Structure formats: structure tokens, C-alpha cells
Amino acid sequence: MAVPKRRTSKSRKRQRRTHYKIDSPASSLCSNCGQVKQPHRVCPHCGYYKNRVVVEVTE
């Protein structure tokens, strides 16, 4: 079984882990009202999805 010859230093370990950060969620504009929403989901502001009313939004 292979065993590391030297211990991985803190700096080398941290350089490798810099790419593990979380990305912000994707966003797009609603085609009906123009508000920001997540793609492939019903707009929470107007209730439209693919130019159709899917959910009735009450205020």
C-alpha cells in the first residue's frame, strides 16, 4: 500500500482547497415581469412559467 513520503504542508493543502468554495445560485430574468428568479422555476413574484400562469400569487 502506498504511503506518502512527506507530510502535506498547510500551504499546499490550502492551495488545493481554494477551489472548494460555494458558487452563488444561478439567476435569470422573468419573461413576464422582469424580476430576478431562479432558472427553470415558477416566478415567485407573478406566478408565470414559460409564458403561462402556473400559480396564482396573492398579495
Protein backbone atom coordinates (compact mmCIF):
# COMPACT_ATOMS: atom_id res chain seq x y z
CA MET A 1 0.00 0.00 0.00
CA ALA A 2 1.35 3.44 -0.94
CA VAL A 3 2.18 5.78 1.91
CA PRO A 4 3.13 9.47 1.48
CA LYS A 5 6.83 10.05 2.00
CA ARG A 6 6.33 13.55 3.39
CA ARG A 7 3.54 15.27 5.25
CA THR A 8 1.44 17.68 3.12
CA SER A 9 2.19 21.21 4.28
CA LYS A 10 -0.55 23.63 5.35
CA SER A 11 0.11 25.91 2.40
CA ARG A 12 -0.05 23.11 -0.17
CA LYS A 13 -3.25 21.76 1.40
CA ARG A 14 -4.84 25.23 1.41
CA GLN A 15 -3.79 25.90 -2.19
CA ARG A 16 -5.62 22.74 -3.24
CA ARG A 17 -8.72 23.63 -1.22
CA THR A 18 -9.13 27.19 -2.57
CA HIS A 19 -11.32 25.81 -5.36
CA TYR A 20 -13.81 24.13 -2.97
CA LYS A 21 -15.79 27.34 -2.38
CA ILE A 22 -19.54 27.56 -2.98
CA ASP A 23 -20.85 29.37 -6.06
CA SER A 24 -23.79 31.71 -5.81
CA PRO A 25 -27.04 30.27 -7.16
CA ALA A 26 -27.82 30.99 -10.81
CA SER A 27 -30.39 33.65 -11.65
CA SER A 28 -32.34 34.80 -14.69
CA LEU A 29 -34.98 37.38 -15.50
CA CYS A 30 -38.67 36.57 -15.63
CA SER A 31 -40.02 36.98 -19.16
CA ASN A 32 -43.33 38.34 -17.83
CA CYS A 33 -42.48 40.78 -15.03
CA GLY A 34 -38.69 41.19 -15.40
CA GLN A 35 -37.89 40.29 -11.79
CA VAL A 36 -34.88 38.14 -10.89
CA LYS A 37 -35.72 34.45 -10.36
CA GLN A 38 -34.01 31.06 -10.43
CA PRO A 39 -33.98 29.41 -13.86
CA HIS A 40 -36.46 26.59 -14.61
CA ARG A 41 -38.71 27.62 -11.72
CA VAL A 42 -42.01 29.47 -11.35
CA CYS A 43 -41.55 33.19 -10.79
CA PRO A 44 -42.38 33.91 -7.12
CA HIS A 45 -43.48 37.47 -7.98
CA CYS A 46 -46.04 36.89 -10.76
CA GLY A 47 -46.56 33.08 -10.83
CA TYR A 48 -45.63 32.65 -14.51
CA TYR A 49 -43.53 29.85 -16.03
CA LYS A 50 -42.84 29.66 -19.77
CA ASN A 51 -45.34 32.46 -20.50
CA ARG A 52 -48.22 30.68 -18.71
CA VAL A 53 -49.87 31.31 -15.35
CA VAL A 54 -48.98 28.32 -13.19
CA VAL A 55 -49.56 29.67 -9.68
CA GLU A 56 -51.98 32.34 -8.53
CA VAL A 57 -49.97 34.84 -6.45
CA THR A 58 -51.88 36.61 -3.68
CA GLU A 59 -50.59 39.79 -2.08
